[in-house]
Amino acid sequence: MENILKWLEYLWREHRGKLTGVVLGLLFGLLTAVWGFGKALFIGLCVAAGYFIGRRLDQGRGWPDFWKRLFGDRW
């Protein structure tokens, strides 16, 4: 069991992007098999939008800055 944990730590440290891509691809494939392509694509787009909004907020950019960039001066 300890060897498996060391191997997973190594994969996360050295190949984080590849590992994340594989996990997301597997998740998207499972969603597609269960609910179909359209629903899986919608879920993926919602997750991506949530990730990008959360990342901007984590970087210290608040809602007003995000809202202004998204909609400009129209609002």
Foldseek 3Di string as FASTA:
>chain_A
DVVVVVVVVCCCVPPVPVVVVVVVVVVLVVCCVVPNNVVSVVVVVVVVVVVVVVVCVVVVDDDVVVVCVVPNPPD
